[in-house]
Amino acid sequence: MSFGDDGAGNGAHLPREPDRPPRIPLPRASVEDGGLPLPPAPPAGPGALGLEHPVLKALLGAWALAACSAEETAAVEEHLGDCGTCADEARRLREAVGLLQRPESLDLDPGLRTRVLESCLDRRPPRIPVPLWAASYDAETARLDALLQDFGDAEWHAPVRLRWFRGEGATSRRTTVAGVIAHLLAVDGLVAVALGLDDPLATGDRPARTDGTGGTGGTNGPQGAAGAHEAFGVYGPHGSAGTAGTHGTPAAGGVDGAGGTGGTTGQAGPAGPVETPARRTEAFWAGSRFPPTRSVRGPWREQTHALVRTVSFTGTGPGAMPVSYGGFELPLRDAMLDRAFECWVHAEDIAEAVDYPYAPPAPRHLHGMIDLAARMLPGTLAARRRAGLASPSRARHLVTAGRPGRSLRLEIEGSGGGEWLIPLDSPGAVGSADHEVAHVALDDVEFCRLAAGHVSPEEAAAGQLGDREAIRDVLFAAASLSRM
C-alpha cells in the first residue's frame, strides 16, 4: 500500500494525527534569518609575511632551490606577481637550478653486455668457448663496435689525433675516425695472416707496398739496436732501424722513420709483405682510392669476428703460435692482448673526438694488458740502453739469464693492478726483491695511458722511491711501448 492510500487503491488521503511529526521534515531556517548570533569564524591560516623588498630579493636563491619555509615561499611568490625585476631574476635562477641537476644518461650501462653474457654462460656454458687470453680482444672490439653503431657521416669524418712516444718525446698523426678503424683493420691483419686468414692489404688495386727497411725484393735490412721491438707499440725508439741503427728520414708519409742507411725506403717485392704495423697502416691508407669512410667498419667487424671464431675453434693450444710484427715475433696469446690494448686506446681516441664518455676495460682484462706491458719492459729498457737513450747498466757484467739482478718494484694500483719486479740490467735476468733498488707506484689506467703514449713520463702521476735514474729509465721505457 502506497503512502496516502486508503487500502482500496483509490488514492484517498488519510488524515494526519495531530500528535505525530510530519513524515517529510520542513526546510531548515538559515542562521541569518533566525535572529541568533553568528558562530565565531575559524582561525585564518598562515598568510604572507610582510617582508621588505631587499629581504625578498635575498630569498630568491633559496626559493629557486625550494629551500624556503611555507611563509617565505608565499611572501616571495606574492612579491613576484608585483615586481618584474625579481620575477626575471627568479626565472633565471630556476633555469640555473635545472642545469645543476645532472640528467640521467639514456645510454645502457657499458657493463650490461658482460653481465648478461656471464649470466647466460653460467647457466649454459658455450659449446666452443673463447680462450681466456682472447676474451679481452673479444670484449674490446665489441665495445668499440657498439660505439660506432650510431655514428653518422659527421662522426666518421671527425678529426682524430693519434698520439705516441718516439725516442725522447711525444709525436702524433692526424686522421679521422674512419682512418682509425682502417688502422686497426690493417694491424689486426698481422694476426689474421698468422692464423691463415685473408690479409686485408692483399688487394689487387693497391699500389706497390713499401716496408721502409732499406731492403729490396721484400727483404728486411739488418735491424738497429732499438728497432727490434714493435709490438704493443714497442718501436723502441722509433726511427732507428737500418745498418747502424741510425735515424732515417720518414718514408713517404711514414710515421716511424725507420729507414735503411740514410733513411731511404726500400720497395717490397711482389710477395714481400708489409710487416710492421705503421707501414701496414700507411700502405692501407695509400692504397685506398678515397679517404676511409663508414664502409671500413664492415671489413673490420668481420675480421674481428673471424679472429675470435678461429682462435676459439683451434682451442687453447695455438696460444704459443708466433705472430710476426716485422722485426720480431709475439706468441698469439700476447698478440691478442696487444690488439685488445690498442683497440681500447684508439676507442678512447675516437670517443674523445666525438665528445663521448668511454670506460676502461674490465679489471681482469686490464690486468692482462698491464702484465704484458710489464713483461716487455726489460727488453725495451735494454733496447733504449743500446741506442744510448737510457743510462748504462751499473753492473760490471750483464746478469746471466735466469739469475737475479737489480730490480725495480712496479706497483700498479686499482682493480686491474698488481706488483711486478722489473729486472734492470738484463732482459734475461729475474726480478728479485732482495736486489730491489727502486719502487714506482701508478694507477692502473694512468700506467696504460703512459704505455699508450697519451701521458708523458714527466707528467705521469707516479709515487717514486729509490734510484731516480732507474725510475726515469723505466718510465721512459714504458712510454716507448707506444706506437701509432
Protein backbone atom coordinates (compact mmCIF):
# COMPACT_ATOMS: atom_id res chain seq x y z
CA MET A 1 0.00 0.00 0.00
CA SER A 2 1.38 3.36 -1.00
CA PHE A 3 1.59 6.33 1.27
CA GLY A 4 -1.81 8.15 1.41
CA ASP A 5 -3.69 5.18 0.02
CA ASP A 6 -6.88 4.11 1.82
CA GLY A 7 -6.27 0.45 1.19
CA ALA A 8 -8.81 0.22 -1.58
CA GLY A 9 -6.46 1.57 -4.19
CA ASN A 10 -8.44 4.81 -4.72
CA GLY A 11 -5.57 7.02 -3.51
CA ALA A 12 -7.67 8.80 -0.86
CA HIS A 13 -5.59 10.87 1.64
CA LEU A 14 -5.87 9.82 5.24
CA PRO A 15 -5.99 12.47 7.95
CA ARG A 16 -2.67 13.00 9.93
CA GLU A 17 -2.78 12.56 13.61
CA PRO A 18 -2.11 15.89 15.32
CA ASP A 19 0.47 14.48 17.81
CA ARG A 20 2.71 12.83 15.24
CA PRO A 21 5.50 14.81 13.40
CA PRO A 22 5.31 15.10 9.62
CA ARG A 23 6.86 12.26 7.68
CA ILE A 24 8.84 14.77 5.49
CA PRO A 25 10.77 17.38 7.54
CA LEU A 26 10.28 21.05 6.74
CA PRO A 27 13.16 23.17 5.35
CA ARG A 28 15.65 24.38 7.92
CA ALA A 29 15.78 28.09 8.67
CA SER A 30 19.14 29.85 7.96
CA VAL A 31 21.20 31.28 10.78
CA GLU A 32 20.93 34.78 9.38
CA ASP A 33 17.06 34.61 9.34
CA GLY A 34 16.79 33.19 12.83
CA GLY A 35 17.95 36.34 14.63
CA LEU A 36 20.55 34.41 16.60
CA PRO A 37 24.25 35.48 16.87
CA LEU A 38 26.64 34.10 14.22
CA PRO A 39 29.20 31.46 15.29
CA PRO A 40 32.81 32.62 15.56
CA ALA A 41 34.90 32.44 12.32
CA PRO A 42 37.62 29.74 12.15
CA PRO A 43 41.18 31.00 12.69
CA ALA A 44 42.91 32.12 9.45
CA GLY A 45 45.87 30.07 8.11
CA PRO A 46 49.42 31.43 7.87
CA GLY A 47 49.48 34.34 5.47
CA ALA A 48 52.27 36.01 3.59
CA LEU A 49 54.91 37.68 5.69
CA GLY A 50 55.26 41.40 5.46
CA LEU A 51 58.87 41.41 4.23
CA GLU A 52 60.65 44.30 2.60
CA HIS A 53 61.95 44.22 -0.98
CA PRO A 54 65.68 43.64 -0.14
CA VAL A 55 64.77 40.68 2.06
CA LEU A 56 62.50 39.17 -0.59
CA LYS A 57 65.20 39.62 -3.23
CA ALA A 58 67.72 37.88 -0.98
CA LEU A 59 65.33 34.92 -0.65
CA LEU A 60 65.11 34.32 -4.41
CA GLY A 61 68.04 31.88 -4.44
CA ALA A 62 66.59 29.82 -1.62
CA TRP A 63 63.18 29.94 -3.30
CA ALA A 64 64.68 28.62 -6.58
CA LEU A 65 66.19 25.72 -4.65
CA ALA A 66 62.85 25.07 -2.86
CA ALA A 67 64.58 25.75 0.47
CA CYS A 68 62.16 28.42 1.82
CA SER A 69 59.57 27.87 4.52
CA ALA A 70 55.88 27.94 3.61
CA GLU A 71 55.51 31.53 4.86
CA GLU A 72 58.61 32.70 2.97
CA THR A 73 57.50 30.92 -0.20
CA ALA A 74 54.10 32.61 -0.04
CA ALA A 75 55.70 36.01 0.52
CA VAL A 76 58.16 35.56 -2.37
CA GLU A 77 55.53 34.33 -4.82
CA GLU A 78 53.18 37.17 -3.91
CA HIS A 79 56.04 39.61 -4.49
CA LEU A 80 56.93 38.07 -7.87
CA GLY A 81 53.47 38.97 -9.14
CA ASP A 82 54.14 42.65 -8.45
CA CYS A 83 57.89 43.06 -9.20
CA GLY A 84 59.04 42.35 -12.77
CA THR A 85 62.74 42.67 -11.93
CA CYS A 86 62.56 40.00 -9.24
CA ALA A 87 60.40 37.83 -11.49
CA ASP A 88 63.10 37.85 -14.21
CA GLU A 89 65.78 37.07 -11.64
CA ALA A 90 63.69 34.22 -10.21
CA ARG A 91 63.24 32.73 -13.69
CA ARG A 92 67.00 32.82 -14.37
CA LEU A 93 67.71 31.20 -11.01
CA ARG A 94 65.20 28.42 -11.66
CA GLU A 95 66.86 27.74 -15.05
CA ALA A 96 70.27 27.63 -13.37
CA VAL A 97 68.97 25.11 -10.84
CA GLY A 98 67.83 22.94 -13.74
CA LEU A 99 71.37 22.93 -15.11
CA LEU A 100 72.75 21.83 -11.73
CA GLN A 101 70.63 18.70 -11.79
CA ARG A 102 72.65 16.16 -13.81
CA PRO A 103 70.33 14.38 -16.24
CA GLU A 104 70.41 10.62 -16.22
CA SER A 105 72.10 9.07 -19.25
CA LEU A 106 69.86 7.31 -21.73
CA ASP A 107 72.72 5.01 -22.76
CA LEU A 108 72.88 1.47 -21.48
CA ASP A 109 75.35 0.57 -18.78
CA PRO A 110 78.58 -0.44 -20.59
CA GLY A 111 78.89 -3.43 -18.29
CA LEU A 112 75.39 -4.71 -19.11
CA ARG A 113 76.55 -6.85 -22.03
CA THR A 114 79.23 -8.53 -19.92
CA ARG A 115 76.81 -9.23 -17.05
CA VAL A 116 74.16 -10.67 -19.37
CA LEU A 117 76.68 -12.91 -21.15
CA GLU A 118 78.18 -14.11 -17.86
CA SER A 119 74.74 -14.87 -16.51
CA CYS A 120 73.85 -16.83 -19.65
CA LEU A 121 77.14 -18.73 -19.68
CA ASP A 122 76.74 -19.63 -16.01
CA ARG A 123 73.51 -21.37 -16.92
CA ARG A 124 74.75 -22.97 -20.15
CA PRO A 125 78.48 -23.00 -20.94
CA PRO A 126 79.33 -22.40 -24.60
CA ARG A 127 79.96 -25.42 -26.74
CA ILE A 128 83.09 -23.76 -28.15
CA PRO A 129 84.38 -21.27 -25.54
CA VAL A 130 86.59 -18.29 -26.32
CA PRO A 131 90.07 -18.83 -24.81
CA LEU A 132 90.71 -16.67 -21.77
CA TRP A 133 93.66 -14.97 -23.48
CA ALA A 134 91.36 -13.88 -26.34
CA ALA A 135 88.47 -12.70 -24.15
CA SER A 136 89.83 -9.16 -23.78
CA TYR A 137 90.08 -8.75 -27.57
CA ASP A 138 86.55 -10.08 -27.97
CA ALA A 139 85.24 -7.63 -25.34
CA GLU A 140 87.11 -4.54 -26.55
CA THR A 141 86.20 -4.99 -30.21
CA ALA A 142 82.55 -5.49 -29.22
CA ARG A 143 82.61 -2.28 -27.15
CA LEU A 144 84.16 -0.28 -29.98
CA ASP A 145 81.66 -1.71 -32.47
CA ALA A 146 78.81 -0.63 -30.19
CA LEU A 147 80.28 2.88 -30.04
CA LEU A 148 80.43 3.07 -33.86
CA GLN A 149 76.92 1.71 -34.39
CA ASP A 150 75.02 5.01 -34.46
CA PHE A 151 77.72 7.22 -35.97
CA GLY A 152 76.65 9.50 -38.79
CA ASP A 153 78.81 10.94 -41.55
CA ALA A 154 79.92 13.83 -39.36
CA GLU A 155 81.24 11.47 -36.69
CA TRP A 156 83.03 9.21 -39.18
CA HIS A 157 84.90 12.21 -40.58
CA ALA A 158 85.64 13.78 -37.19
CA PRO A 159 89.36 14.55 -36.83
CA VAL A 160 91.36 12.29 -34.52
CA ARG A 161 94.86 12.94 -33.28
CA LEU A 162 96.78 9.68 -32.76
CA ARG A 163 99.49 10.17 -30.15
CA TRP A 164 102.50 8.09 -29.22
CA PHE A 165 106.04 8.43 -27.86
CA ARG A 166 109.16 8.35 -30.01
CA GLY A 167 112.68 8.31 -28.57
CA GLU A 168 112.64 11.17 -26.07
CA GLY A 169 109.41 12.99 -26.92
CA ALA A 170 105.79 12.77 -27.96
CA THR A 171 104.61 12.73 -31.56
CA SER A 172 101.23 12.49 -33.26
CA ARG A 173 99.46 11.77 -36.53
CA ARG A 174 96.23 13.35 -37.76
CA THR A 175 93.50 11.18 -39.25
CA THR A 176 89.74 10.64 -38.92
CA VAL A 177 87.51 8.19 -37.07
CA ALA A 178 87.28 6.10 -40.24
CA GLY A 179 91.07 6.28 -40.59
CA VAL A 180 91.50 4.88 -37.08
CA ILE A 181 89.29 1.89 -37.91
CA ALA A 182 91.28 1.36 -41.11
CA HIS A 183 94.45 1.40 -38.99
CA LEU A 184 93.04 -1.26 -36.64
CA LEU A 185 91.94 -3.35 -39.63
CA ALA A 186 95.43 -3.22 -41.15
CA VAL A 187 97.32 -4.06 -37.95
CA ASP A 188 94.89 -6.79 -36.88
CA GLY A 189 95.77 -8.30 -40.25
CA LEU A 190 99.10 -9.40 -38.75
CA VAL A 191 97.21 -11.83 -36.52
CA ALA A 192 94.88 -12.80 -39.35
CA VAL A 193 97.84 -13.75 -41.57
CA ALA A 194 99.38 -15.81 -38.76
CA LEU A 195 96.11 -17.73 -38.41
CA GLY A 196 95.85 -18.35 -42.15
CA LEU A 197 93.04 -15.84 -42.74
CA ASP A 198 92.87 -13.27 -45.52
CA ASP A 199 95.17 -10.27 -45.31
CA PRO A 200 93.17 -7.01 -45.64
CA LEU A 201 96.13 -5.49 -47.52
CA ALA A 202 96.11 -8.22 -50.19
CA THR A 203 94.08 -6.30 -52.78
CA GLY A 204 94.85 -6.05 -56.47
CA ASP A 205 94.23 -2.30 -56.81
CA ARG A 206 96.60 -1.32 -54.01
CA PRO A 207 99.82 0.42 -55.05
CA ALA A 208 103.27 -1.07 -54.52
CA ARG A 209 103.90 -1.51 -50.84
CA THR A 210 106.93 -0.26 -49.01
CA ASP A 211 108.50 -1.64 -45.89
CA GLY A 212 111.00 1.18 -45.43
CA THR A 213 113.75 -1.06 -44.09
CA GLY A 214 116.23 -0.40 -46.87
CA GLY A 215 115.97 -3.92 -48.32
CA THR A 216 114.96 -4.91 -51.83
CA GLY A 217 112.71 -7.67 -53.03
CA GLY A 218 110.75 -7.56 -49.78
CA THR A 219 113.65 -8.48 -47.52
CA ASN A 220 114.38 -6.53 -44.39
CA GLY A 221 117.69 -4.81 -43.78
CA PRO A 222 119.53 -5.55 -40.54
CA GLN A 223 117.74 -4.09 -37.59
CA GLY A 224 119.42 -1.42 -35.50
CA ALA A 225 119.84 -1.72 -31.79
CA ALA A 226 116.50 -0.20 -30.93
CA GLY A 227 114.45 -1.37 -33.90
CA ALA A 228 113.84 -4.84 -32.55
CA HIS A 229 110.55 -4.17 -30.79
CA GLU A 230 107.34 -3.17 -32.50
CA ALA A 231 104.61 -4.93 -30.61
CA PHE A 232 102.41 -3.31 -28.00
CA GLY A 233 103.88 -0.21 -29.60
CA VAL A 234 107.47 -1.17 -28.88
CA TYR A 235 109.41 0.52 -31.64
CA GLY A 236 111.88 1.35 -29.01
CA PRO A 237 112.95 4.12 -30.14
CA HIS A 238 111.07 4.76 -33.36
CA GLY A 239 113.01 5.55 -36.45
CA SER A 240 116.13 3.61 -35.55
CA ALA A 241 116.39 0.66 -37.88
CA GLY A 242 118.96 0.10 -40.61
CA THR A 243 122.53 -0.96 -40.92
CA ALA A 244 123.80 1.03 -37.96
CA GLY A 245 120.59 1.77 -36.12
CA THR A 246 120.72 5.43 -37.13
CA HIS A 247 117.70 7.62 -37.52
CA GLY A 248 116.41 7.74 -41.07
CA THR A 249 114.10 10.25 -42.65
CA PRO A 250 110.43 9.29 -42.67
CA ALA A 251 109.48 7.28 -45.69
CA ALA A 252 106.80 8.69 -47.94
CA GLY A 253 104.37 9.74 -45.29
CA GLY A 254 105.65 7.12 -42.86
CA VAL A 255 105.40 7.72 -39.17
CA ASP A 256 108.34 5.93 -37.62
CA GLY A 257 111.10 7.00 -39.93
CA ALA A 258 112.65 3.57 -39.80
CA GLY A 259 114.67 3.74 -42.99
CA GLY A 260 117.81 1.95 -44.08
CA THR A 261 121.15 3.66 -44.45
CA GLY A 262 120.45 7.37 -44.73
CA GLY A 263 116.75 6.73 -44.15
CA THR A 264 115.94 5.61 -47.71
CA THR A 265 112.91 3.49 -48.37
CA GLY A 266 113.14 0.08 -49.98
CA GLN A 267 110.43 -1.42 -52.14
CA ALA A 268 108.82 -4.70 -51.25
CA GLY A 269 108.91 -7.38 -53.86
CA PRO A 270 105.78 -8.94 -55.36
CA ALA A 271 105.50 -11.39 -52.48
CA GLY A 272 107.10 -9.23 -49.83
CA PRO A 273 104.64 -8.49 -47.01
CA VAL A 274 104.29 -5.10 -45.34
CA GLU A 275 105.26 -6.38 -41.93
CA THR A 276 105.40 -3.55 -39.42
CA PRO A 277 102.15 -2.08 -38.02
CA ALA A 278 102.97 1.51 -39.01
CA ARG A 279 103.86 0.64 -42.57
CA ARG A 280 100.84 -1.61 -42.97
CA THR A 281 98.67 1.32 -41.94
CA GLU A 282 100.39 3.72 -44.34
CA ALA A 283 100.11 1.18 -47.14
CA PHE A 284 96.42 0.67 -46.44
CA TRP A 285 95.73 4.41 -46.36
CA ALA A 286 97.77 4.99 -49.51
CA GLY A 287 96.07 2.09 -51.32
CA SER A 288 92.56 3.46 -50.80
CA ARG A 289 91.03 5.21 -53.81
CA PHE A 290 89.34 7.63 -51.41
CA PRO A 291 89.84 8.51 -47.74
CA PRO A 292 88.34 5.85 -45.45
CA THR A 293 84.64 6.25 -44.71
CA ARG A 294 81.99 4.39 -42.73
CA SER A 295 82.33 1.49 -45.18
CA VAL A 296 85.51 0.40 -43.38
CA ARG A 297 83.50 -0.70 -40.36
CA GLY A 298 82.13 -3.80 -42.13
CA PRO A 299 85.50 -5.36 -43.06
CA TRP A 300 86.97 -4.50 -39.65
CA ARG A 301 83.99 -6.02 -37.85
CA GLU A 302 84.06 -9.18 -39.97
CA GLN A 303 87.79 -9.59 -39.36
CA THR A 304 87.41 -9.27 -35.58
CA HIS A 305 84.68 -11.93 -35.63
CA ALA A 306 86.84 -14.18 -37.80
CA LEU A 307 89.80 -13.85 -35.43
CA VAL A 308 87.75 -14.68 -32.33
CA ARG A 309 86.00 -17.55 -34.11
CA THR A 310 89.26 -19.02 -35.40
CA VAL A 311 91.11 -18.95 -32.06
CA SER A 312 88.00 -20.43 -30.40
CA PHE A 313 87.84 -23.36 -32.81
CA THR A 314 91.58 -24.01 -32.53
CA GLY A 315 91.38 -24.08 -28.72
CA THR A 316 94.00 -23.02 -26.20
CA GLY A 317 96.84 -24.97 -27.81
CA PRO A 318 97.85 -22.44 -30.51
CA GLY A 319 98.36 -19.71 -27.90
CA ALA A 320 102.11 -20.05 -28.43
CA MET A 321 101.85 -19.69 -32.23
CA PRO A 322 104.21 -16.88 -33.32
CA VAL A 323 102.80 -13.69 -34.82
CA SER A 324 105.31 -11.59 -36.77
CA TYR A 325 105.44 -7.85 -36.13
CA GLY A 326 108.22 -7.21 -38.62
CA GLY A 327 111.45 -7.30 -36.62
CA PHE A 328 110.40 -9.94 -34.12
CA GLU A 329 107.52 -12.18 -33.06
CA LEU A 330 104.98 -12.40 -30.27
CA PRO A 331 103.12 -15.53 -29.19
CA LEU A 332 99.50 -15.48 -30.28
CA ARG A 333 98.16 -15.10 -26.73
CA ASP A 334 100.25 -11.94 -26.24
CA ALA A 335 99.42 -10.64 -29.71
CA MET A 336 95.71 -10.84 -28.88
CA LEU A 337 96.34 -8.85 -25.68
CA ASP A 338 98.31 -6.31 -27.71
CA ARG A 339 95.43 -5.93 -30.16
CA ALA A 340 92.90 -5.61 -27.31
CA PHE A 341 95.02 -2.87 -25.72
CA GLU A 342 95.31 -0.90 -28.96
CA CYS A 343 91.59 -1.31 -29.65
CA TRP A 344 90.76 0.23 -26.26
CA VAL A 345 93.31 3.05 -26.66
CA HIS A 346 92.02 4.04 -30.09
CA ALA A 347 88.41 3.66 -28.96
CA GLU A 348 89.19 6.31 -26.34
CA ASP A 349 90.73 8.47 -29.10
CA ILE A 350 87.51 8.14 -31.10
CA ALA A 351 85.28 8.80 -28.09
CA GLU A 352 87.29 11.91 -27.26
CA ALA A 353 86.96 13.14 -30.85
CA VAL A 354 83.14 12.87 -30.74
CA ASP A 355 82.89 14.03 -27.11
CA TYR A 356 81.52 10.74 -25.75
CA PRO A 357 82.43 9.02 -22.46
CA TYR A 358 84.26 5.70 -22.67
CA ALA A 359 85.03 3.45 -19.72
CA PRO A 360 88.25 1.43 -19.19
CA PRO A 361 88.24 -2.33 -19.80
CA ALA A 362 87.04 -4.84 -17.23
CA PRO A 363 89.56 -5.28 -14.37
CA ARG A 364 90.66 -8.77 -15.37
CA HIS A 365 91.25 -7.63 -18.96
CA LEU A 366 93.06 -4.51 -17.79
CA HIS A 367 95.30 -6.65 -15.59
CA GLY A 368 96.28 -8.82 -18.56
CA MET A 369 97.24 -5.76 -20.62
CA ILE A 370 99.33 -4.35 -17.77
CA ASP A 371 101.01 -7.71 -17.27
CA LEU A 372 102.03 -7.84 -20.95
CA ALA A 373 103.49 -4.32 -20.73
CA ALA A 374 105.40 -5.20 -17.55
CA ARG A 375 106.85 -8.32 -19.18
CA MET A 376 108.02 -6.29 -22.18
CA LEU A 377 109.69 -3.54 -20.14
CA PRO A 378 113.07 -5.31 -19.64
CA GLY A 379 113.56 -5.83 -23.39
CA THR A 380 112.52 -2.26 -24.19
CA LEU A 381 114.81 -0.90 -21.49
CA ALA A 382 117.74 -2.88 -22.96
CA ALA A 383 116.94 -1.61 -26.47
CA ARG A 384 116.89 2.00 -25.27
CA ARG A 385 120.17 1.45 -23.43
CA ARG A 386 121.84 0.08 -26.59
CA ALA A 387 120.59 3.13 -28.50
CA GLY A 388 122.03 5.49 -25.90
CA LEU A 389 118.62 6.62 -24.68
CA ALA A 390 118.89 5.08 -21.21
CA SER A 391 121.55 5.08 -18.54
CA PRO A 392 124.18 2.34 -18.94
CA SER A 393 123.88 -0.59 -16.62
CA ARG A 394 125.76 -0.20 -13.35
CA ALA A 395 126.55 -3.88 -13.27
CA ARG A 396 130.13 -4.73 -14.23
CA HIS A 397 128.86 -7.59 -16.38
CA LEU A 398 125.44 -8.45 -17.74
CA VAL A 399 123.45 -10.61 -15.39
CA THR A 400 123.27 -14.22 -16.54
CA ALA A 401 119.88 -15.24 -17.83
CA GLY A 402 117.77 -16.72 -15.09
CA ARG A 403 119.81 -15.12 -12.32
CA PRO A 404 118.55 -12.32 -10.03
CA GLY A 405 119.76 -8.77 -10.61
CA ARG A 406 118.98 -5.18 -9.76
CA SER A 407 115.20 -4.74 -9.85
CA LEU A 408 112.52 -2.08 -9.72
CA ARG A 409 109.23 -2.83 -8.00
CA LEU A 410 106.36 -1.67 -10.22
CA GLU A 411 103.22 -1.29 -8.13
CA ILE A 412 100.04 -0.73 -10.13
CA GLU A 413 97.09 0.38 -8.03
CA GLY A 414 93.44 -0.11 -8.89
CA SER A 415 91.18 -3.04 -9.72
CA GLY A 416 93.39 -4.13 -12.64
CA GLY A 417 96.70 -3.69 -10.84
CA GLY A 418 99.29 -5.79 -9.08
CA GLU A 419 103.04 -5.82 -8.44
CA TRP A 420 105.89 -6.71 -10.78
CA LEU A 421 109.66 -6.84 -10.22
CA ILE A 422 111.33 -5.42 -13.33
CA PRO A 423 114.97 -6.53 -13.90
CA LEU A 424 117.10 -3.52 -14.81
CA ASP A 425 120.45 -4.94 -16.00
CA SER A 426 119.46 -7.65 -18.49
CA PRO A 427 116.23 -8.80 -20.20
CA GLY A 428 117.05 -12.37 -19.22
CA ALA A 429 117.58 -11.61 -15.54
CA VAL A 430 115.00 -12.42 -12.89
CA GLY A 431 113.44 -9.69 -10.79
CA SER A 432 114.37 -10.06 -7.15
CA ALA A 433 113.03 -8.36 -4.02
CA ASP A 434 116.46 -8.85 -2.43
CA HIS A 435 118.01 -6.72 -5.19
CA GLU A 436 115.30 -4.05 -5.27
CA VAL A 437 116.74 -0.56 -5.82
CA ALA A 438 113.61 1.46 -6.63
CA HIS A 439 109.84 1.46 -6.20
CA VAL A 440 107.28 3.10 -8.51
CA ALA A 441 103.51 3.27 -7.87
CA LEU A 442 100.98 4.18 -10.58
CA ASP A 443 97.24 3.97 -11.10
CA ASP A 444 96.23 1.17 -13.49
CA VAL A 445 94.61 3.41 -16.13
CA GLU A 446 97.38 6.01 -15.74
CA PHE A 447 100.03 3.35 -16.44
CA CYS A 448 98.17 2.17 -19.53
CA ARG A 449 97.95 5.73 -20.83
CA LEU A 450 101.67 6.10 -20.23
CA ALA A 451 102.28 2.90 -22.20
CA ALA A 452 99.99 4.24 -24.95
CA GLY A 453 101.94 7.49 -25.24
CA HIS A 454 99.00 9.57 -24.04
CA VAL A 455 100.85 10.66 -20.90
CA SER A 456 104.49 11.70 -20.95
CA PRO A 457 106.94 10.13 -18.45
CA GLU A 458 107.45 13.51 -16.81
CA GLU A 459 103.70 14.01 -16.32
CA ALA A 460 102.91 10.51 -15.08
CA ALA A 461 101.50 10.74 -11.55
CA ALA A 462 103.92 8.24 -10.05
CA GLY A 463 104.91 7.64 -6.47
CA GLN A 464 108.69 7.19 -6.55
CA LEU A 465 111.17 5.81 -4.06
CA GLY A 466 114.81 4.86 -4.55
CA ASP A 467 117.17 5.12 -7.53
CA ARG A 468 115.90 8.11 -9.54
CA GLU A 469 117.90 7.14 -12.61
CA ALA A 470 116.37 3.66 -12.70
CA ILE A 471 112.89 5.10 -12.19
CA ARG A 472 113.35 7.54 -15.07
CA ASP A 473 114.61 4.80 -17.39
CA VAL A 474 111.65 2.53 -16.62
CA LEU A 475 109.08 5.31 -17.08
CA PHE A 476 110.61 6.26 -20.42
CA ALA A 477 110.72 2.61 -21.43
CA ALA A 478 107.02 2.32 -20.60
CA ALA A 479 106.27 5.31 -22.83
CA SER A 480 108.36 3.72 -25.60
CA LEU A 481 105.89 0.85 -25.66
CA SER A 482 103.54 3.15 -27.57
CA ARG A 483 103.09 3.39 -31.33
CA MET A 484 100.68 4.85 -33.80
